[in-house]
Amino acid sequence: MKFKHYIVTRFFQKFDMQIDPEGWLESRVDLFNNFHVKSKLNQTNQNFESIFLVSGEYMNLNFSSFHFNKINHRILNAEDFPDNLLTKEDKNLDCIITSRIDSDDILAKNYVQNIQNHARLNSIMDHSGYFMLSSDLKRYSIKRAMLDSMFLSTCFHPNDISILHCMVDQHPLMPKHFPGKININGVGSAAIIHGGNISNDIDRQNARTLKDDELIKIFGNIR
């Protein structure tokens, strides 16, 4: 099966901007460089391309502090997505795989391989469990994924590309467009919760101390 795997990240869009867009960007630099990028560099399967979406009016901001050039990537205008995603060569492929993550998310070293192993045409790949980590990486909860999970992947024919295939905002509508759903256990994805504590929407009974060596083992020695 000939395919292209795109990992799509909403890097900086209008809804991200609060009062200080440059301050918001600065708050993401360390997480992005030290965890997000490193987790991609550590992938056992490097057959993927990172797509970073930026609202057109912010395309001229200074992103030089972010280590984009260490990974295979493109920065695309968010307002033109997904029409600007596929290349001419992509049209001849059997399928397109997309995975949706954020700029402060981290991936276990077998993440890409796990997704590609399970990919089936016209299917949603639901990450059945993922980590929610406190910003100090010492506390975590394992959260069960639902259809509106932040961690989902899709597999579809290039001619069928739609925003519904690529972005989390519309995931509750995805069953109307994908007849199949595949649950992937232990795919290895994690979201970092900003601030000192795990957010209130997580079951605190499942939150506990995670030893450094355990975290490093799970996420492929990304430090």
N, C-alpha and C. Protein backbone atom coordinates (compact mmCIF):
# COMPACT_ATOMS: atom_id res chain seq x y z
N MET A 1 0.83 -1.18 0.00
CA MET A 1 0.00 0.00 0.00
C MET A 1 0.88 1.25 0.00
N LYS A 2 0.68 2.12 -0.98
CA LYS A 2 1.43 3.36 -1.06
C LYS A 2 0.68 4.45 -0.29
N PHE A 3 1.37 5.08 0.64
CA PHE A 3 0.70 6.07 1.48
C PHE A 3 1.67 7.17 1.90
N LYS A 4 1.13 8.24 2.42
CA LYS A 4 1.89 9.31 3.06
C LYS A 4 1.28 9.53 4.43
N HIS A 5 2.14 9.67 5.43
CA HIS A 5 1.67 9.90 6.79
C HIS A 5 2.02 11.33 7.19
N TYR A 6 1.00 12.12 7.48
CA TYR A 6 1.18 13.50 7.93
C TYR A 6 0.80 13.61 9.41
N ILE A 7 1.69 14.17 10.20
CA ILE A 7 1.37 14.49 11.59
C ILE A 7 1.05 15.97 11.65
N VAL A 8 -0.22 16.28 11.89
CA VAL A 8 -0.73 17.64 11.77
C VAL A 8 -0.80 18.29 13.15
N THR A 9 -0.18 19.46 13.25
CA THR A 9 -0.13 20.18 14.52
C THR A 9 -0.70 21.59 14.35
N ARG A 10 -1.68 21.93 15.15
CA ARG A 10 -2.15 23.32 15.19
C ARG A 10 -1.10 24.13 15.95
N PHE A 11 -0.17 24.70 15.24
CA PHE A 11 0.96 25.34 15.91
C PHE A 11 0.58 26.72 16.46
N PHE A 12 0.02 27.59 15.63
CA PHE A 12 -0.34 28.93 16.12
C PHE A 12 -1.47 29.47 15.26
N GLN A 13 -2.66 29.43 15.84
CA GLN A 13 -3.83 29.91 15.12
C GLN A 13 -4.55 30.97 15.93
N LYS A 14 -5.54 31.57 15.34
CA LYS A 14 -6.20 32.72 15.96
C LYS A 14 -6.69 32.42 17.36
N PHE A 15 -7.25 31.23 17.56
CA PHE A 15 -7.81 30.91 18.87
C PHE A 15 -6.73 30.68 19.92
N ASP A 16 -5.44 30.52 19.49
CA ASP A 16 -4.35 30.39 20.44
C ASP A 16 -3.96 31.74 21.03
N MET A 17 -4.16 32.79 20.27
CA MET A 17 -3.70 34.10 20.68
C MET A 17 -4.58 34.66 21.80
N GLN A 18 -3.97 34.98 22.90
CA GLN A 18 -4.67 35.65 23.98
C GLN A 18 -4.39 37.15 23.84
N ILE A 19 -3.75 37.74 24.83
CA ILE A 19 -3.41 39.16 24.76
C ILE A 19 -2.04 39.36 24.12
N ASP A 20 -1.16 38.40 24.34
CA ASP A 20 0.23 38.55 23.93
C ASP A 20 0.67 37.36 23.09
N PRO A 21 0.52 37.42 21.77
CA PRO A 21 0.88 36.27 20.94
C PRO A 21 2.35 35.87 21.05
N GLU A 22 3.25 36.84 21.12
CA GLU A 22 4.67 36.52 21.23
C GLU A 22 4.98 35.87 22.58
N GLY A 23 4.28 36.32 23.62
CA GLY A 23 4.46 35.68 24.93
C GLY A 23 3.96 34.26 24.93
N TRP A 24 2.85 34.03 24.23
CA TRP A 24 2.32 32.67 24.13
C TRP A 24 3.32 31.77 23.42
N LEU A 25 3.89 32.26 22.34
CA LEU A 25 4.89 31.49 21.62
C LEU A 25 6.09 31.16 22.51
N GLU A 26 6.56 32.16 23.23
CA GLU A 26 7.73 31.95 24.09
C GLU A 26 7.47 30.87 25.13
N SER A 27 6.23 30.77 25.60
CA SER A 27 5.90 29.76 26.60
C SER A 27 5.96 28.35 26.05
N ARG A 28 5.95 28.19 24.73
CA ARG A 28 5.95 26.87 24.11
C ARG A 28 7.34 26.40 23.66
N VAL A 29 8.32 27.27 23.65
CA VAL A 29 9.61 26.94 23.04
C VAL A 29 10.25 25.72 23.68
N ASP A 30 10.39 25.71 25.01
CA ASP A 30 11.08 24.61 25.67
C ASP A 30 10.37 23.28 25.48
N LEU A 31 9.04 23.29 25.64
CA LEU A 31 8.28 22.06 25.45
C LEU A 31 8.41 21.56 24.02
N PHE A 32 8.34 22.48 23.09
CA PHE A 32 8.42 22.10 21.67
C PHE A 32 9.79 21.52 21.33
N ASN A 33 10.84 22.20 21.71
CA ASN A 33 12.19 21.76 21.33
C ASN A 33 12.64 20.53 22.10
N ASN A 34 12.37 20.49 23.40
CA ASN A 34 12.93 19.45 24.25
C ASN A 34 12.09 18.18 24.31
N PHE A 35 10.83 18.28 23.94
CA PHE A 35 9.97 17.10 24.02
C PHE A 35 9.30 16.78 22.68
N HIS A 36 8.58 17.74 22.13
CA HIS A 36 7.87 17.49 20.87
C HIS A 36 8.83 17.09 19.76
N VAL A 37 9.82 17.91 19.50
CA VAL A 37 10.77 17.63 18.41
C VAL A 37 11.59 16.39 18.70
N LYS A 38 12.09 16.27 19.92
CA LYS A 38 12.93 15.11 20.25
C LYS A 38 12.15 13.80 20.13
N SER A 39 10.87 13.84 20.48
CA SER A 39 10.09 12.60 20.37
C SER A 39 9.91 12.20 18.92
N LYS A 40 9.88 13.17 18.01
CA LYS A 40 9.81 12.85 16.58
C LYS A 40 11.15 12.35 16.05
N LEU A 41 12.22 12.94 16.51
CA LEU A 41 13.55 12.50 16.09
C LEU A 41 13.82 11.07 16.55
N ASN A 42 13.19 10.66 17.65
CA ASN A 42 13.41 9.33 18.21
C ASN A 42 12.51 8.26 17.62
N GLN A 43 11.67 8.61 16.67
CA GLN A 43 10.76 7.62 16.10
C GLN A 43 11.53 6.50 15.40
N THR A 44 11.13 5.27 15.67
CA THR A 44 11.76 4.13 15.00
C THR A 44 11.43 4.11 13.52
N ASN A 45 10.31 4.70 13.17
CA ASN A 45 9.89 4.81 11.77
C ASN A 45 9.84 6.29 11.42
N GLN A 46 10.70 6.72 10.50
CA GLN A 46 10.78 8.13 10.13
C GLN A 46 9.99 8.44 8.85
N ASN A 47 9.12 7.54 8.45
CA ASN A 47 8.34 7.74 7.23
C ASN A 47 7.10 8.58 7.54
N PHE A 48 7.31 9.86 7.80
CA PHE A 48 6.21 10.79 8.06
C PHE A 48 6.71 12.20 7.82
N GLU A 49 5.76 13.12 7.69
CA GLU A 49 6.08 14.54 7.55
C GLU A 49 5.26 15.33 8.55
N SER A 50 5.89 16.28 9.22
CA SER A 50 5.21 17.11 10.19
C SER A 50 4.62 18.35 9.50
N ILE A 51 3.36 18.60 9.78
CA ILE A 51 2.67 19.77 9.23
C ILE A 51 2.29 20.69 10.39
N PHE A 52 2.74 21.95 10.31
CA PHE A 52 2.43 22.92 11.35
C PHE A 52 1.52 24.00 10.76
N LEU A 53 0.37 24.18 11.39
CA LEU A 53 -0.62 25.13 10.89
C LEU A 53 -0.51 26.46 11.63
N VAL A 54 -0.38 27.53 10.85
CA VAL A 54 -0.28 28.88 11.40
C VAL A 54 -1.27 29.77 10.67
N SER A 55 -2.05 30.54 11.42
CA SER A 55 -2.98 31.48 10.78
C SER A 55 -2.20 32.47 9.93
N GLY A 56 -2.76 32.79 8.76
CA GLY A 56 -2.05 33.61 7.78
C GLY A 56 -1.50 34.91 8.34
N GLU A 57 -2.25 35.56 9.22
CA GLU A 57 -1.80 36.85 9.74
C GLU A 57 -0.61 36.74 10.69
N TYR A 58 -0.29 35.49 11.10
CA TYR A 58 0.85 35.29 12.00
C TYR A 58 2.02 34.59 11.32
N MET A 59 1.93 34.39 10.02
CA MET A 59 2.99 33.67 9.31
C MET A 59 4.33 34.41 9.38
N ASN A 60 4.30 35.72 9.58
CA ASN A 60 5.53 36.51 9.61
C ASN A 60 6.12 36.67 11.01
N LEU A 61 5.53 36.03 12.01
CA LEU A 61 6.12 36.08 13.34
C LEU A 61 7.46 35.37 13.36
N ASN A 62 8.27 35.71 14.31
CA ASN A 62 9.61 35.13 14.43
C ASN A 62 9.53 33.77 15.11
N PHE A 63 9.72 32.71 14.34
CA PHE A 63 9.70 31.34 14.88
C PHE A 63 11.11 30.76 14.99
N SER A 64 12.13 31.59 14.96
CA SER A 64 13.51 31.11 14.88
C SER A 64 13.94 30.32 16.11
N SER A 65 13.27 30.52 17.24
CA SER A 65 13.64 29.79 18.46
C SER A 65 13.16 28.34 18.43
N PHE A 66 12.27 28.04 17.52
CA PHE A 66 11.72 26.69 17.43
C PHE A 66 12.55 25.85 16.46
N HIS A 67 12.85 24.62 16.84
CA HIS A 67 13.75 23.76 16.08
C HIS A 67 13.02 23.00 14.96
N PHE A 68 12.32 23.74 14.11
CA PHE A 68 11.60 23.12 13.00
C PHE A 68 12.55 22.35 12.08
N ASN A 69 13.70 22.93 11.81
CA ASN A 69 14.58 22.39 10.78
C ASN A 69 15.23 21.06 11.15
N LYS A 70 15.04 20.61 12.38
CA LYS A 70 15.58 19.31 12.77
C LYS A 70 14.72 18.16 12.27
N ILE A 71 13.51 18.47 11.84
CA ILE A 71 12.59 17.42 11.39
C ILE A 71 12.05 17.76 10.00
N ASN A 72 11.58 16.76 9.30
CA ASN A 72 10.95 16.95 7.99
C ASN A 72 9.60 17.63 8.22
N HIS A 73 9.44 18.84 7.68
CA HIS A 73 8.24 19.59 8.03
C HIS A 73 7.85 20.58 6.94
N ARG A 74 6.62 21.05 7.05
CA ARG A 74 6.13 22.20 6.30
C ARG A 74 5.28 23.06 7.24
N ILE A 75 5.35 24.36 7.07
CA ILE A 75 4.48 25.28 7.79
C ILE A 75 3.44 25.78 6.80
N LEU A 76 2.16 25.52 7.10
CA LEU A 76 1.09 25.84 6.17
C LEU A 76 0.14 26.87 6.75
N ASN A 77 -0.48 27.64 5.87
CA ASN A 77 -1.50 28.59 6.27
C ASN A 77 -2.74 27.82 6.74
N ALA A 78 -3.13 28.06 7.98
CA ALA A 78 -4.23 27.30 8.57
C ALA A 78 -5.55 27.53 7.84
N GLU A 79 -5.74 28.73 7.33
CA GLU A 79 -7.00 29.04 6.66
C GLU A 79 -7.15 28.30 5.33
N ASP A 80 -6.06 27.87 4.74
CA ASP A 80 -6.11 27.15 3.47
C ASP A 80 -6.09 25.63 3.65
N PHE A 81 -5.99 25.19 4.88
CA PHE A 81 -5.91 23.76 5.17
C PHE A 81 -7.31 23.14 5.11
N PRO A 82 -7.49 21.91 4.56
CA PRO A 82 -6.46 20.99 4.07
C PRO A 82 -6.18 21.08 2.57
N ASP A 83 -6.73 22.10 1.90
CA ASP A 83 -6.52 22.19 0.45
C ASP A 83 -5.04 22.33 0.09
N ASN A 84 -4.24 22.84 1.03
CA ASN A 84 -2.81 23.02 0.76
C ASN A 84 -1.95 21.88 1.29
N LEU A 85 -2.57 20.80 1.74
CA LEU A 85 -1.80 19.71 2.35
C LEU A 85 -1.17 18.79 1.32
N LEU A 86 -1.95 18.30 0.38
CA LEU A 86 -1.48 17.26 -0.52
C LEU A 86 -0.66 17.82 -1.67
N THR A 87 0.40 17.09 -2.04
CA THR A 87 1.19 17.43 -3.22
C THR A 87 0.60 16.74 -4.44
N LYS A 88 1.10 17.06 -5.62
CA LYS A 88 0.63 16.40 -6.83
C LYS A 88 0.90 14.90 -6.76
N GLU A 89 2.04 14.53 -6.19
CA GLU A 89 2.38 13.11 -6.09
C GLU A 89 1.43 12.37 -5.16
N ASP A 90 0.91 13.07 -4.15
CA ASP A 90 0.02 12.43 -3.19
C ASP A 90 -1.26 11.91 -3.84
N LYS A 91 -1.68 12.55 -4.92
CA LYS A 91 -2.93 12.17 -5.58
C LYS A 91 -2.88 10.74 -6.12
N ASN A 92 -1.68 10.22 -6.34
CA ASN A 92 -1.52 8.88 -6.90
C ASN A 92 -1.34 7.81 -5.82
N LEU A 93 -1.40 8.21 -4.57
CA LEU A 93 -1.20 7.25 -3.49
C LEU A 93 -2.48 6.48 -3.20
N ASP A 94 -2.31 5.35 -2.53
CA ASP A 94 -3.48 4.55 -2.14
C ASP A 94 -4.24 5.20 -0.99
N CYS A 95 -3.51 5.85 -0.09
CA CYS A 95 -4.18 6.48 1.05
C CYS A 95 -3.29 7.53 1.70
N ILE A 96 -3.95 8.37 2.47
CA ILE A 96 -3.29 9.37 3.30
C ILE A 96 -3.60 9.05 4.75
N ILE A 97 -2.58 9.06 5.59
CA ILE A 97 -2.77 8.90 7.03
C ILE A 97 -2.48 10.24 7.69
N THR A 98 -3.37 10.68 8.55
CA THR A 98 -3.11 11.88 9.34
C THR A 98 -3.18 11.53 10.82
N SER A 99 -2.31 12.15 11.60
CA SER A 99 -2.39 12.08 13.06
C SER A 99 -2.42 13.51 13.57
N ARG A 100 -3.24 13.77 14.57
CA ARG A 100 -3.42 15.12 15.08
C ARG A 100 -2.81 15.21 16.47
N ILE A 101 -1.85 16.14 16.66
CA ILE A 101 -1.26 16.39 17.97
C ILE A 101 -1.06 17.89 18.14
N ASP A 102 -0.67 18.31 19.33
CA ASP A 102 -0.37 19.71 19.60
C ASP A 102 1.13 19.91 19.77
N SER A 103 1.54 21.17 19.83
CA SER A 103 2.96 21.49 19.86
C SER A 103 3.61 21.18 21.20
N ASP A 104 2.81 20.85 22.22
CA ASP A 104 3.38 20.46 23.51
C ASP A 104 3.11 18.99 23.81
N ASP A 105 2.74 18.21 22.81
CA ASP A 105 2.53 16.78 22.99
C ASP A 105 3.82 16.02 22.69
N ILE A 106 3.93 14.84 23.28
CA ILE A 106 5.10 14.00 23.05
C ILE A 106 4.65 12.61 22.64
N LEU A 107 5.52 11.94 21.88
CA LEU A 107 5.18 10.66 21.28
C LEU A 107 6.22 9.61 21.65
N ALA A 108 5.74 8.42 22.01
CA ALA A 108 6.66 7.32 22.26
C ALA A 108 7.36 6.93 20.96
N LYS A 109 8.50 6.28 21.09
CA LYS A 109 9.36 6.05 19.93
C LYS A 109 8.72 5.17 18.86
N ASN A 110 7.74 4.35 19.23
CA ASN A 110 7.06 3.48 18.26
C ASN A 110 5.71 4.04 17.81
N TYR A 111 5.44 5.30 18.13
CA TYR A 111 4.14 5.89 17.82
C TYR A 111 3.82 5.78 16.32
N VAL A 112 4.70 6.28 15.47
CA VAL A 112 4.44 6.27 14.03
C VAL A 112 4.26 4.85 13.52
N GLN A 113 5.12 3.95 13.96
CA GLN A 113 5.02 2.56 13.52
C GLN A 113 3.69 1.94 13.94
N ASN A 114 3.26 2.23 15.18
CA ASN A 114 1.99 1.69 15.66
C ASN A 114 0.82 2.18 14.82
N ILE A 115 0.81 3.46 14.48
CA ILE A 115 -0.27 4.01 13.68
C ILE A 115 -0.29 3.35 12.30
N GLN A 116 0.86 3.25 11.67
CA GLN A 116 0.92 2.69 10.32
C GLN A 116 0.59 1.21 10.31
N ASN A 117 0.92 0.50 11.36
CA ASN A 117 0.58 -0.93 11.44
C ASN A 117 -0.92 -1.15 11.45
N HIS A 118 -1.65 -0.22 12.04
CA HIS A 118 -3.10 -0.39 12.21
C HIS A 118 -3.92 0.30 11.14
N ALA A 119 -3.30 1.11 10.31
CA ALA A 119 -4.04 1.93 9.35
C ALA A 119 -4.84 1.08 8.37
N ARG A 120 -6.10 1.39 8.23
CA ARG A 120 -6.98 0.75 7.26
C ARG A 120 -7.78 1.84 6.56
N LEU A 121 -7.97 1.71 5.26
CA LEU A 121 -8.65 2.73 4.48
C LEU A 121 -10.05 3.00 5.04
N ASN A 122 -10.41 4.28 5.08
CA ASN A 122 -11.71 4.75 5.57
C ASN A 122 -11.94 4.42 7.04
N SER A 123 -10.87 4.50 7.82
CA SER A 123 -10.98 4.18 9.24
C SER A 123 -10.42 5.29 10.12
N ILE A 124 -11.02 5.40 11.30
CA ILE A 124 -10.47 6.23 12.38
C ILE A 124 -9.62 5.32 13.26
N MET A 125 -8.46 5.78 13.63
CA MET A 125 -7.63 5.05 14.58
C MET A 125 -7.66 5.80 15.90
N ASP A 126 -8.35 5.24 16.87
CA ASP A 126 -8.55 5.88 18.17
C ASP A 126 -7.49 5.37 19.14
N HIS A 127 -6.74 6.29 19.70
CA HIS A 127 -5.72 5.91 20.69
C HIS A 127 -6.43 5.59 21.99
N SER A 128 -6.52 4.32 22.31
CA SER A 128 -7.41 3.87 23.38
C SER A 128 -6.99 4.33 24.77
N GLY A 129 -5.75 4.69 24.95
CA GLY A 129 -5.29 5.21 26.23
C GLY A 129 -4.10 6.11 26.00
N TYR A 130 -4.04 7.22 26.71
CA TYR A 130 -2.90 8.11 26.55
C TYR A 130 -2.61 8.78 27.89
N PHE A 131 -1.42 9.33 28.00
CA PHE A 131 -0.98 9.96 29.23
C PHE A 131 -1.33 11.45 29.25
N MET A 132 -1.77 11.93 30.40
CA MET A 132 -1.86 13.35 30.66
C MET A 132 -0.79 13.64 31.72
N LEU A 133 0.19 14.43 31.38
CA LEU A 133 1.35 14.66 32.25
C LEU A 133 1.32 16.06 32.83
N SER A 134 1.68 16.20 34.11
CA SER A 134 1.87 17.52 34.67
C SER A 134 3.12 18.14 34.06
N SER A 135 3.22 19.45 34.10
CA SER A 135 4.31 20.14 33.41
C SER A 135 5.68 19.79 33.98
N ASP A 136 5.73 19.31 35.23
CA ASP A 136 7.02 18.89 35.79
C ASP A 136 7.32 17.43 35.48
N LEU A 137 6.41 16.77 34.74
CA LEU A 137 6.54 15.38 34.30
C LEU A 137 6.60 14.38 35.46
N LYS A 138 6.13 14.78 36.62
CA LYS A 138 6.20 13.91 37.79
C LYS A 138 4.87 13.24 38.12
N ARG A 139 3.78 13.81 37.63
CA ARG A 139 2.47 13.23 37.91
C ARG A 139 1.75 12.98 36.59
N TYR A 140 1.00 11.90 36.55
CA TYR A 140 0.31 11.59 35.30
C TYR A 140 -0.99 10.85 35.58
N SER A 141 -1.82 10.83 34.59
CA SER A 141 -3.02 10.01 34.61
C SER A 141 -3.15 9.35 33.25
N ILE A 142 -3.59 8.12 33.24
CA ILE A 142 -3.88 7.45 31.97
C ILE A 142 -5.35 7.69 31.67
N LYS A 143 -5.61 8.33 30.58
CA LYS A 143 -6.97 8.71 30.22
C LYS A 143 -7.47 7.83 29.07
N ARG A 144 -8.68 7.35 29.20
CA ARG A 144 -9.27 6.55 28.14
C ARG A 144 -9.79 7.45 27.04
N ALA A 145 -9.45 7.13 25.82
CA ALA A 145 -9.84 7.99 24.70
C ALA A 145 -11.32 7.84 24.36
N MET A 146 -11.91 8.93 23.92
CA MET A 146 -13.26 8.94 23.36
C MET A 146 -13.15 9.48 21.94
N LEU A 147 -14.25 9.54 21.24
CA LEU A 147 -14.19 9.94 19.84
C LEU A 147 -13.73 11.38 19.67
N ASP A 148 -13.95 12.23 20.69
CA ASP A 148 -13.47 13.60 20.59
C ASP A 148 -12.10 13.76 21.25
N SER A 149 -11.39 12.65 21.35
CA SER A 149 -10.05 12.67 21.93
C SER A 149 -9.12 13.60 21.16
N MET A 150 -8.14 14.15 21.86
CA MET A 150 -7.13 14.96 21.18
C MET A 150 -6.19 14.07 20.36
N PHE A 151 -6.19 12.77 20.61
CA PHE A 151 -5.30 11.86 19.90
C PHE A 151 -6.11 10.92 19.01
N LEU A 152 -6.17 11.24 17.75
CA LEU A 152 -6.83 10.39 16.77
C LEU A 152 -6.02 10.42 15.48
N SER A 153 -6.08 9.32 14.75
CA SER A 153 -5.49 9.28 13.41
C SER A 153 -6.56 8.82 12.44
N THR A 154 -6.36 9.14 11.17
CA THR A 154 -7.33 8.75 10.15
C THR A 154 -6.60 8.19 8.93
N CYS A 155 -7.33 7.44 8.14
CA CYS A 155 -6.78 6.87 6.91
C CYS A 155 -7.85 6.98 5.83
N PHE A 156 -7.52 7.65 4.71
CA PHE A 156 -8.52 7.90 3.68
C PHE A 156 -7.85 8.05 2.32
N HIS A 157 -8.62 7.92 1.28
CA HIS A 157 -8.10 8.09 -0.07
C HIS A 157 -7.84 9.56 -0.33
N PRO A 158 -6.76 9.90 -1.06
CA PRO A 158 -6.44 11.31 -1.31
C PRO A 158 -7.59 12.12 -1.89
N ASN A 159 -8.41 11.52 -2.75
CA ASN A 159 -9.52 12.25 -3.36
C ASN A 159 -10.62 12.60 -2.36
N ASP A 160 -10.60 11.96 -1.21
CA ASP A 160 -11.65 12.18 -0.22
C ASP A 160 -11.24 13.15 0.88
N ILE A 161 -10.12 13.84 0.69
CA ILE A 161 -9.61 14.68 1.77
C ILE A 161 -10.63 15.74 2.18
N SER A 162 -10.74 15.94 3.48
CA SER A 162 -11.69 16.90 4.06
C SER A 162 -11.14 17.35 5.40
N ILE A 163 -11.55 18.51 5.85
CA ILE A 163 -11.15 18.97 7.18
C ILE A 163 -11.58 17.97 8.24
N LEU A 164 -12.63 17.22 7.98
CA LEU A 164 -13.10 16.21 8.94
C LEU A 164 -12.12 15.06 9.08
N HIS A 165 -11.23 14.90 8.11
CA HIS A 165 -10.27 13.82 8.16
C HIS A 165 -9.00 14.20 8.90
N CYS A 166 -8.84 15.47 9.21
CA CYS A 166 -7.53 15.95 9.62
C CYS A 166 -7.47 16.66 10.97
N MET A 167 -8.57 17.20 11.43
CA MET A 167 -8.49 18.03 12.63
C MET A 167 -9.45 17.57 13.72
N VAL A 168 -9.04 17.77 14.96
CA VAL A 168 -9.78 17.26 16.10
C VAL A 168 -11.11 17.98 16.31
N ASP A 169 -11.23 19.25 15.91
CA ASP A 169 -12.42 20.03 16.22
C ASP A 169 -13.70 19.37 15.71
N GLN A 170 -13.58 18.68 14.60
CA GLN A 170 -14.76 18.08 13.99
C GLN A 170 -14.85 16.58 14.23
N HIS A 171 -14.05 16.05 15.12
CA HIS A 171 -14.03 14.60 15.31
C HIS A 171 -15.37 14.00 15.73
N PRO A 172 -16.21 14.69 16.50
CA PRO A 172 -17.51 14.09 16.81
C PRO A 172 -18.35 13.79 15.57
N LEU A 173 -18.06 14.46 14.45
CA LEU A 173 -18.81 14.22 13.22
C LEU A 173 -18.18 13.14 12.34
N MET A 174 -17.02 12.65 12.75
CA MET A 174 -16.28 11.75 11.88
C MET A 174 -16.97 10.42 11.59
N PRO A 175 -17.77 9.84 12.49
CA PRO A 175 -18.43 8.58 12.14
C PRO A 175 -19.29 8.66 10.88
N LYS A 176 -19.74 9.87 10.53
CA LYS A 176 -20.54 10.03 9.32
C LYS A 176 -19.68 9.86 8.06
N HIS A 177 -18.36 9.99 8.22
CA HIS A 177 -17.47 9.96 7.07
C HIS A 177 -16.55 8.73 7.07
N PHE A 178 -16.45 8.06 8.22
CA PHE A 178 -15.58 6.89 8.32
C PHE A 178 -16.38 5.71 8.82
N PRO A 179 -16.53 4.68 8.01
CA PRO A 179 -17.32 3.52 8.44
C PRO A 179 -16.60 2.67 9.48
N GLY A 180 -15.26 2.77 9.55
CA GLY A 180 -14.52 1.91 10.45
C GLY A 180 -13.86 2.66 11.59
N LYS A 181 -13.74 2.02 12.75
CA LYS A 181 -13.02 2.59 13.88
C LYS A 181 -12.13 1.51 14.48
N ILE A 182 -10.87 1.83 14.65
CA ILE A 182 -9.89 0.88 15.16
C ILE A 182 -9.31 1.42 16.46
N ASN A 183 -9.41 0.67 17.52
CA ASN A 183 -8.82 1.06 18.80
C ASN A 183 -7.40 0.54 18.89
N ILE A 184 -6.47 1.43 19.19
CA ILE A 184 -5.07 1.05 19.32
C ILE A 184 -4.66 1.19 20.78
N ASN A 185 -4.35 0.10 21.42
CA ASN A 185 -3.91 0.14 22.81
C ASN A 185 -2.41 0.40 22.89
N GLY A 186 -2.03 1.31 23.76
CA GLY A 186 -0.61 1.54 24.00
C GLY A 186 0.13 2.14 22.84
N VAL A 187 -0.53 3.00 22.06
CA VAL A 187 0.15 3.60 20.91
C VAL A 187 1.28 4.51 21.38
N GLY A 188 1.13 5.12 22.56
CA GLY A 188 2.21 5.91 23.13
C GLY A 188 2.14 7.39 22.81
N SER A 189 1.13 8.07 23.36
CA SER A 189 1.01 9.50 23.16
C SER A 189 0.75 10.16 24.51
N ALA A 190 1.17 11.42 24.63
CA ALA A 190 1.02 12.11 25.91
C ALA A 190 0.82 13.60 25.69
N ALA A 191 -0.01 14.19 26.53
CA ALA A 191 -0.23 15.63 26.52
C ALA A 191 0.29 16.20 27.83
N ILE A 192 1.03 17.29 27.75
CA ILE A 192 1.54 17.95 28.94
C ILE A 192 0.53 18.99 29.40
N ILE A 193 0.17 18.92 30.67
CA ILE A 193 -0.78 19.87 31.25
C ILE A 193 0.00 21.04 31.83
N HIS A 194 -0.28 22.24 31.36
CA HIS A 194 0.45 23.42 31.82
C HIS A 194 0.08 23.74 33.27
N GLY A 195 1.06 24.19 34.02
CA GLY A 195 0.86 24.47 35.43
C GLY A 195 1.37 23.33 36.27
N GLY A 196 1.39 23.51 37.57
CA GLY A 196 2.02 22.55 38.46
C GLY A 196 1.23 21.29 38.70
N ASN A 197 -0.08 21.32 38.50
CA ASN A 197 -0.91 20.16 38.83
C ASN A 197 -1.66 19.67 37.60
N ILE A 198 -2.05 18.42 37.66
CA ILE A 198 -2.89 17.88 36.61
C ILE A 198 -4.26 18.54 36.70
N SER A 199 -4.82 18.86 35.55
CA SER A 199 -6.06 19.64 35.52
C SER A 199 -7.21 18.88 36.18
N ASN A 200 -8.23 19.62 36.58
CA ASN A 200 -9.32 19.07 37.37
C ASN A 200 -10.17 18.06 36.61
N ASP A 201 -10.12 18.09 35.28
CA ASP A 201 -10.99 17.19 34.52
C ASP A 201 -10.45 15.77 34.45
N ILE A 202 -9.30 15.54 35.05
CA ILE A 202 -8.72 14.19 35.06
C ILE A 202 -9.04 13.53 36.40
N ASP A 203 -9.31 12.26 36.37
CA ASP A 203 -9.59 11.50 37.57
C ASP A 203 -8.35 11.50 38.46
N ARG A 204 -8.39 12.24 39.55
CA ARG A 204 -7.21 12.37 40.40
C ARG A 204 -6.84 11.05 41.09
N GLN A 205 -7.75 10.15 41.18
CA GLN A 205 -7.42 8.86 41.79
C GLN A 205 -6.42 8.09 40.95
N ASN A 206 -6.38 8.40 39.66
CA ASN A 206 -5.43 7.73 38.78
C ASN A 206 -4.11 8.47 38.68
N ALA A 207 -4.03 9.67 39.25
CA ALA A 207 -2.80 10.45 39.18
C ALA A 207 -1.83 9.96 40.24
N ARG A 208 -0.58 9.81 39.86
CA ARG A 208 0.43 9.32 40.79
C ARG A 208 1.79 9.77 40.33
N THR A 209 2.79 9.49 41.15
CA THR A 209 4.16 9.88 40.80
C THR A 209 4.72 8.91 39.79
N LEU A 210 5.31 9.44 38.74
CA LEU A 210 5.94 8.62 37.72
C LEU A 210 7.44 8.81 37.82
N LYS A 211 8.18 7.74 38.10
CA LYS A 211 9.62 7.84 38.24
C LYS A 211 10.25 8.22 36.90
N ASP A 212 11.34 8.97 36.98
CA ASP A 212 11.99 9.45 35.77
C ASP A 212 12.37 8.31 34.83
N ASP A 213 12.90 7.23 35.38
CA ASP A 213 13.34 6.14 34.51
C ASP A 213 12.16 5.48 33.81
N GLU A 214 10.99 5.46 34.46
CA GLU A 214 9.80 4.90 33.82
C GLU A 214 9.34 5.78 32.68
N LEU A 215 9.34 7.09 32.91
CA LEU A 215 8.92 8.02 31.88
C LEU A 215 9.85 7.95 30.68
N ILE A 216 11.15 7.91 30.95
CA ILE A 216 12.13 7.84 29.87
C ILE A 216 11.95 6.55 29.07
N LYS A 217 11.69 5.45 29.75
CA LYS A 217 11.49 4.18 29.06
C LYS A 217 10.27 4.23 28.16
N ILE A 218 9.17 4.77 28.69
CA ILE A 218 7.92 4.83 27.94
C ILE A 218 8.07 5.70 26.69
N PHE A 219 8.70 6.82 26.84
CA PHE A 219 8.77 7.78 25.73
C PHE A 219 10.11 7.79 25.01
N GLY A 220 10.83 6.68 25.09
CA GLY A 220 11.97 6.46 24.21
C GLY A 220 13.16 7.34 24.47
N ASN A 221 13.40 7.63 25.75
CA ASN A 221 14.60 8.40 26.11
C ASN A 221 14.67 9.72 25.35
N ILE A 222 13.61 10.51 25.45
CA ILE A 222 13.55 11.73 24.65
C ILE A 222 14.27 12.90 25.30
N ARG A 223 14.75 12.75 26.51
CA ARG A 223 15.45 13.86 27.15
C ARG A 223 16.82 14.06 26.53
